[in-house]
Amino acid sequence: VSDEDRFIDIEIKLAHQENLVESLNQTIYEQGRRIDQLEAMVAKLAEHVRVLRDAGQGPVNEKPPHY
């Protein structure tokens, strides 16, 4: 195997690794955005539950005290 062939193989492997890193970066970015969305949803739900509790309304599925 010539030095040129080895150099070409290294370039090909490097190109594949760069592509993989870019793909992983995109996946991490998308997951971060989704986590942000989910955190916002949880915060809204927690606020909604707090408002209902403060208004004297318990959770809808709460069992009556005699159970």
C-alpha atoms as a PDB file:
ATOM      1  CA  VAL A   1       0.000   0.000   0.000  1.00  0.00           C
ATOM      2  CA  SER A   2       1.454   3.299  -1.042  1.00  0.00           C
ATOM      3  CA  ASP A   3       1.685   6.385   1.109  1.00  0.00           C
ATOM      4  CA  GLU A   4      -0.818   8.077  -1.175  1.00  0.00           C
ATOM      5  CA  ASP A   5      -3.361   5.271  -0.647  1.00  0.00           C
ATOM      6  CA  ARG A   6      -2.899   5.479   3.127  1.00  0.00           C
ATOM      7  CA  PHE A   7      -3.312   9.259   2.980  1.00  0.00           C
ATOM      8  CA  ILE A   8      -6.534   8.867   0.985  1.00  0.00           C
ATOM      9  CA  ASP A   9      -7.833   6.310   3.517  1.00  0.00           C
ATOM     10  CA  ILE A  10      -7.083   8.718   6.365  1.00  0.00           C
ATOM     11  CA  GLU A  11      -8.876  11.547   4.538  1.00  0.00           C
ATOM     12  CA  ILE A  12     -11.919   9.323   3.982  1.00  0.00           C
ATOM     13  CA  LYS A  13     -12.002   8.304   7.639  1.00  0.00           C
ATOM     14  CA  LEU A  14     -11.634  11.937   8.711  1.00  0.00           C
ATOM     15  CA  ALA A  15     -14.500  12.989   6.454  1.00  0.00           C
ATOM     16  CA  HIS A  16     -16.715  10.275   7.955  1.00  0.00           C
ATOM     17  CA  GLN A  17     -15.781  11.339  11.479  1.00  0.00           C
ATOM     18  CA  GLU A  18     -16.510  14.990  10.718  1.00  0.00           C
ATOM     19  CA  ASN A  19     -19.899  13.968   9.338  1.00  0.00           C
ATOM     20  CA  LEU A  20     -20.615  11.883  12.443  1.00  0.00           C
ATOM     21  CA  VAL A  21     -19.617  14.730  14.773  1.00  0.00           C
ATOM     22  CA  GLU A  22     -21.892  17.137  12.904  1.00  0.00           C
ATOM     23  CA  SER A  23     -24.750  14.642  13.108  1.00  0.00           C
ATOM     24  CA  LEU A  24     -24.204  14.165  16.846  1.00  0.00           C
ATOM     25  CA  ASN A  25     -24.071  17.941  17.367  1.00  0.00           C
ATOM     26  CA  GLN A  26     -27.393  18.324  15.567  1.00  0.00           C
ATOM     27  CA  THR A  27     -28.942  15.562  17.682  1.00  0.00           C
ATOM     28  CA  ILE A  28     -27.696  17.186  20.897  1.00  0.00           C
ATOM     29  CA  TYR A  29     -29.030  20.566  19.774  1.00  0.00           C
ATOM     30  CA  GLU A  30     -32.464  19.108  18.998  1.00  0.00           C
ATOM     31  CA  GLN A  31     -32.568  17.238  22.309  1.00  0.00           C
ATOM     32  CA  GLY A  32     -31.640  20.424  24.150  1.00  0.00           C
ATOM     33  CA  ARG A  33     -34.502  22.279  22.480  1.00  0.00           C
ATOM     34  CA  ARG A  34     -36.902  19.455  23.365  1.00  0.00           C
ATOM     35  CA  ILE A  35     -35.718  19.465  26.989  1.00  0.00           C
ATOM     36  CA  ASP A  36     -36.333  23.222  27.122  1.00  0.00           C
ATOM     37  CA  GLN A  37     -39.863  22.683  25.780  1.00  0.00           C
ATOM     38  CA  LEU A  38     -40.566  19.928  28.294  1.00  0.00           C
ATOM     39  CA  GLU A  39     -39.226  22.010  31.182  1.00  0.00           C
ATOM     40  CA  ALA A  40     -41.518  24.865  30.144  1.00  0.00           C
ATOM     41  CA  MET A  41     -44.473  22.467  30.017  1.00  0.00           C
ATOM     42  CA  VAL A  42     -43.673  21.105  33.483  1.00  0.00           C
ATOM     43  CA  ALA A  43     -43.388  24.637  34.864  1.00  0.00           C
ATOM     44  CA  LYS A  44     -46.786  25.559  33.370  1.00  0.00           C
ATOM     45  CA  LEU A  45     -48.373  22.402  34.777  1.00  0.00           C
ATOM     46  CA  ALA A  46     -46.865  23.033  38.204  1.00  0.00           C
ATOM     47  CA  GLU A  47     -48.174  26.609  38.126  1.00  0.00           C
ATOM     48  CA  HIS A  48     -51.613  25.361  37.057  1.00  0.00           C
ATOM     49  CA  VAL A  49     -51.710  22.858  39.933  1.00  0.00           C
ATOM     50  CA  ARG A  50     -50.580  25.572  42.367  1.00  0.00           C
ATOM     51  CA  VAL A  51     -53.309  27.947  41.154  1.00  0.00           C
ATOM     52  CA  LEU A  52     -55.943  25.229  41.493  1.00  0.00           C
ATOM     53  CA  ARG A  53     -54.698  24.336  44.973  1.00  0.00           C
ATOM     54  CA  ASP A  54     -54.676  27.988  46.062  1.00  0.00           C
ATOM     55  CA  ALA A  55     -58.211  28.366  44.714  1.00  0.00           C
ATOM     56  CA  GLY A  56     -59.336  25.480  46.911  1.00  0.00           C
ATOM     57  CA  GLN A  57     -59.691  23.009  44.080  1.00  0.00           C
ATOM     58  CA  GLY A  58     -57.873  19.736  44.522  1.00  0.00           C
ATOM     59  CA  PRO A  59     -56.711  17.493  41.738  1.00  0.00           C
ATOM     60  CA  VAL A  60     -59.571  16.096  39.655  1.00  0.00           C
ATOM     61  CA  ASN A  61     -58.848  12.464  40.544  1.00  0.00           C
ATOM     62  CA  GLU A  62     -58.360  13.050  44.243  1.00  0.00           C
ATOM     63  CA  LYS A  63     -60.269  10.529  46.391  1.00  0.00           C
ATOM     64  CA  PRO A  64     -62.743  11.906  48.920  1.00  0.00           C
ATOM     65  CA  PRO A  65     -61.552  11.987  52.564  1.00  0.00           C
ATOM     66  CA  HIS A  66     -63.722   9.015  53.598  1.00  0.00           C
ATOM     67  CA  TYR A  67     -61.689   6.554  51.475  1.00  0.00           C
END
